Amino acid sequence: MSDLPNLPELDGLSVPEKILRVQDLWDDIARSPRDVEITTAQRDEAERRLRAHEEHPRECSSWEDIKLRLEDGR
């Protein structure tokens, strides 16, 4: 949990309303992706995954395939 103060205006919201607030926050963050700092380990892992994909693109699954597998319970 963070050290942020309690936000009383959130207490009266339903769970779906709170989820919408979280989505709004993520959307706001996503508008400035370069402002999001990542660790050296995260950057190294992203680069490793990109290299693996570039070297063996057929070993990766498309989002459509992954989504179908998840929906089918596989």
N, C-alpha and C. Protein backbone atom coordinates (compact mmCIF):
# COMPACT_ATOMS: atom_id res chain seq x y z
N MET A 1 0.83 -1.18 0.00
CA MET A 1 0.00 0.00 0.00
C MET A 1 0.88 1.25 0.00
N SER A 2 0.40 2.31 -0.57
CA SER A 2 1.20 3.53 -0.64
C SER A 2 1.01 4.37 0.62
N ASP A 3 1.80 5.40 0.73
CA ASP A 3 1.70 6.31 1.87
C ASP A 3 0.79 7.50 1.56
N LEU A 4 -0.03 7.37 0.53
CA LEU A 4 -0.94 8.46 0.17
C LEU A 4 -2.00 8.62 1.25
N PRO A 5 -2.46 9.84 1.44
CA PRO A 5 -3.51 10.05 2.44
C PRO A 5 -4.82 9.41 1.98
N ASN A 6 -5.68 9.09 2.95
CA ASN A 6 -6.99 8.55 2.62
C ASN A 6 -7.76 9.59 1.80
N LEU A 7 -8.44 9.16 0.78
CA LEU A 7 -9.20 10.06 -0.08
C LEU A 7 -10.68 9.86 0.21
N PRO A 8 -11.25 10.66 1.09
CA PRO A 8 -12.64 10.45 1.50
C PRO A 8 -13.63 10.48 0.35
N GLU A 9 -13.30 11.21 -0.72
CA GLU A 9 -14.24 11.28 -1.85
C GLU A 9 -14.39 9.92 -2.54
N LEU A 10 -13.46 9.00 -2.29
CA LEU A 10 -13.56 7.66 -2.87
C LEU A 10 -14.42 6.73 -2.04
N ASP A 11 -14.60 7.05 -0.77
CA ASP A 11 -15.34 6.17 0.13
C ASP A 11 -16.77 5.90 -0.33
N GLY A 12 -17.40 6.88 -0.96
CA GLY A 12 -18.79 6.72 -1.37
C GLY A 12 -18.97 6.09 -2.74
N LEU A 13 -17.87 5.77 -3.42
CA LEU A 13 -17.97 5.20 -4.76
C LEU A 13 -18.15 3.69 -4.70
N SER A 14 -18.87 3.17 -5.67
CA SER A 14 -19.00 1.72 -5.80
C SER A 14 -17.70 1.17 -6.39
N VAL A 15 -17.55 -0.14 -6.32
CA VAL A 15 -16.35 -0.76 -6.90
C VAL A 15 -16.24 -0.45 -8.39
N PRO A 16 -17.32 -0.60 -9.17
CA PRO A 16 -17.19 -0.25 -10.60
C PRO A 16 -16.77 1.20 -10.83
N GLU A 17 -17.28 2.11 -9.98
CA GLU A 17 -16.89 3.52 -10.12
C GLU A 17 -15.42 3.71 -9.78
N LYS A 18 -14.93 3.00 -8.77
CA LYS A 18 -13.52 3.08 -8.41
C LYS A 18 -12.64 2.53 -9.52
N ILE A 19 -13.08 1.45 -10.15
CA ILE A 19 -12.33 0.87 -11.27
C ILE A 19 -12.25 1.87 -12.42
N LEU A 20 -13.33 2.57 -12.68
CA LEU A 20 -13.31 3.59 -13.74
C LEU A 20 -12.31 4.69 -13.40
N ARG A 21 -12.22 5.07 -12.13
CA ARG A 21 -11.24 6.08 -11.72
C ARG A 21 -9.82 5.58 -11.98
N VAL A 22 -9.57 4.31 -11.64
CA VAL A 22 -8.24 3.72 -11.87
C VAL A 22 -7.93 3.72 -13.37
N GLN A 23 -8.90 3.35 -14.18
CA GLN A 23 -8.69 3.34 -15.63
C GLN A 23 -8.39 4.75 -16.13
N ASP A 24 -9.08 5.73 -15.59
CA ASP A 24 -8.81 7.12 -15.97
C ASP A 24 -7.37 7.51 -15.62
N LEU A 25 -6.90 7.08 -14.44
CA LEU A 25 -5.53 7.37 -14.05
C LEU A 25 -4.53 6.71 -14.99
N TRP A 26 -4.77 5.43 -15.32
CA TRP A 26 -3.87 4.73 -16.24
C TRP A 26 -3.85 5.42 -17.60
N ASP A 27 -5.03 5.82 -18.08
CA ASP A 27 -5.10 6.53 -19.36
C ASP A 27 -4.29 7.82 -19.32
N ASP A 28 -4.38 8.53 -18.20
CA ASP A 28 -3.63 9.77 -18.06
C ASP A 28 -2.12 9.50 -18.07
N ILE A 29 -1.69 8.48 -17.37
CA ILE A 29 -0.27 8.10 -17.35
C ILE A 29 0.19 7.69 -18.74
N ALA A 30 -0.65 6.94 -19.45
CA ALA A 30 -0.29 6.43 -20.78
C ALA A 30 -0.10 7.55 -21.80
N ARG A 31 -0.67 8.71 -21.55
CA ARG A 31 -0.50 9.83 -22.48
C ARG A 31 0.93 10.36 -22.47
N SER A 32 1.70 10.04 -21.43
CA SER A 32 3.09 10.52 -21.33
C SER A 32 4.00 9.35 -20.95
N PRO A 33 4.11 8.34 -21.81
CA PRO A 33 4.87 7.15 -21.44
C PRO A 33 6.34 7.43 -21.15
N ARG A 34 6.90 8.45 -21.73
CA ARG A 34 8.32 8.76 -21.49
C ARG A 34 8.55 9.29 -20.08
N ASP A 35 7.49 9.72 -19.42
CA ASP A 35 7.61 10.21 -18.05
C ASP A 35 7.64 9.07 -17.02
N VAL A 36 7.33 7.87 -17.46
CA VAL A 36 7.31 6.71 -16.56
C VAL A 36 8.72 6.13 -16.51
N GLU A 37 9.31 6.18 -15.33
CA GLU A 37 10.67 5.67 -15.17
C GLU A 37 10.63 4.16 -14.94
N ILE A 38 11.55 3.45 -15.56
CA ILE A 38 11.68 2.03 -15.32
C ILE A 38 13.09 1.74 -14.82
N THR A 39 13.22 0.62 -14.15
CA THR A 39 14.53 0.26 -13.62
C THR A 39 15.41 -0.30 -14.73
N THR A 40 16.68 -0.38 -14.45
CA THR A 40 17.63 -0.99 -15.40
C THR A 40 17.23 -2.43 -15.66
N ALA A 41 16.83 -3.14 -14.61
CA ALA A 41 16.42 -4.54 -14.78
C ALA A 41 15.20 -4.66 -15.69
N GLN A 42 14.23 -3.75 -15.54
CA GLN A 42 13.05 -3.77 -16.40
C GLN A 42 13.42 -3.48 -17.85
N ARG A 43 14.30 -2.51 -18.06
CA ARG A 43 14.73 -2.17 -19.41
C ARG A 43 15.48 -3.34 -20.04
N ASP A 44 16.37 -3.98 -19.26
CA ASP A 44 17.12 -5.13 -19.76
C ASP A 44 16.18 -6.27 -20.15
N GLU A 45 15.17 -6.51 -19.33
CA GLU A 45 14.22 -7.59 -19.62
C GLU A 45 13.41 -7.27 -20.88
N ALA A 46 12.98 -6.04 -21.03
CA ALA A 46 12.24 -5.65 -22.23
C ALA A 46 13.10 -5.83 -23.47
N GLU A 47 14.35 -5.44 -23.39
CA GLU A 47 15.26 -5.60 -24.52
C GLU A 47 15.52 -7.08 -24.81
N ARG A 48 15.65 -7.88 -23.77
CA ARG A 48 15.85 -9.33 -23.96
C ARG A 48 14.64 -9.95 -24.68
N ARG A 49 13.46 -9.57 -24.25
CA ARG A 49 12.24 -10.10 -24.88
C ARG A 49 12.11 -9.65 -26.33
N LEU A 50 12.48 -8.40 -26.60
CA LEU A 50 12.42 -7.90 -27.98
C LEU A 50 13.40 -8.66 -28.86
N ARG A 51 14.62 -8.87 -28.36
CA ARG A 51 15.61 -9.64 -29.14
C ARG A 51 15.12 -11.07 -29.39
N ALA A 52 14.53 -11.69 -28.37
CA ALA A 52 14.02 -13.06 -28.53
C ALA A 52 12.94 -13.10 -29.60
N HIS A 53 12.08 -12.10 -29.60
CA HIS A 53 11.02 -12.04 -30.62
C HIS A 53 11.61 -11.82 -32.00
N GLU A 54 12.59 -10.93 -32.10
CA GLU A 54 13.19 -10.65 -33.41
C GLU A 54 13.94 -11.87 -33.95
N GLU A 55 14.55 -12.65 -33.05
CA GLU A 55 15.28 -13.84 -33.48
C GLU A 55 14.37 -15.02 -33.81
N HIS A 56 13.23 -15.11 -33.14
CA HIS A 56 12.31 -16.25 -33.32
C HIS A 56 10.86 -15.76 -33.33
N PRO A 57 10.47 -14.98 -34.34
CA PRO A 57 9.12 -14.39 -34.33
C PRO A 57 7.99 -15.41 -34.34
N ARG A 58 8.22 -16.58 -34.89
CA ARG A 58 7.15 -17.59 -34.95
C ARG A 58 6.88 -18.26 -33.61
N GLU A 59 7.80 -18.08 -32.65
CA GLU A 59 7.60 -18.67 -31.33
C GLU A 59 6.69 -17.82 -30.46
N CYS A 60 6.32 -16.66 -30.94
CA CYS A 60 5.46 -15.76 -30.17
C CYS A 60 4.01 -15.94 -30.62
N SER A 61 3.10 -15.62 -29.73
CA SER A 61 1.68 -15.69 -30.04
C SER A 61 1.13 -14.28 -30.23
N SER A 62 0.18 -14.16 -31.12
CA SER A 62 -0.48 -12.87 -31.31
C SER A 62 -1.45 -12.64 -30.15
N TRP A 63 -1.82 -11.40 -29.94
CA TRP A 63 -2.79 -11.09 -28.89
C TRP A 63 -4.10 -11.83 -29.17
N GLU A 64 -4.49 -11.93 -30.42
CA GLU A 64 -5.73 -12.62 -30.77
C GLU A 64 -5.68 -14.09 -30.33
N ASP A 65 -4.54 -14.75 -30.57
CA ASP A 65 -4.38 -16.15 -30.15
C ASP A 65 -4.41 -16.30 -28.63
N ILE A 66 -3.73 -15.40 -27.96
CA ILE A 66 -3.70 -15.46 -26.49
C ILE A 66 -5.11 -15.25 -25.94
N LYS A 67 -5.81 -14.28 -26.48
CA LYS A 67 -7.16 -13.98 -26.01
C LYS A 67 -8.08 -15.19 -26.22
N LEU A 68 -7.99 -15.82 -27.39
CA LEU A 68 -8.81 -17.01 -27.66
C LEU A 68 -8.50 -18.14 -26.66
N ARG A 69 -7.21 -18.36 -26.37
CA ARG A 69 -6.83 -19.40 -25.42
C ARG A 69 -7.39 -19.09 -24.03
N LEU A 70 -7.32 -17.84 -23.64
CA LEU A 70 -7.85 -17.46 -22.32
C LEU A 70 -9.36 -17.63 -22.26
N GLU A 71 -10.04 -17.26 -23.33
CA GLU A 71 -11.50 -17.39 -23.36
C GLU A 71 -11.94 -18.84 -23.39
N ASP A 72 -11.13 -19.69 -24.00
CA ASP A 72 -11.44 -21.12 -24.08
C ASP A 72 -11.00 -21.87 -22.83
N GLY A 73 -10.28 -21.18 -21.94
CA GLY A 73 -9.82 -21.82 -20.72
C GLY A 73 -8.61 -22.72 -20.92
N ARG A 74 -7.86 -22.50 -22.02
CA ARG A 74 -6.68 -23.33 -22.27
C ARG A 74 -5.44 -22.67 -21.77
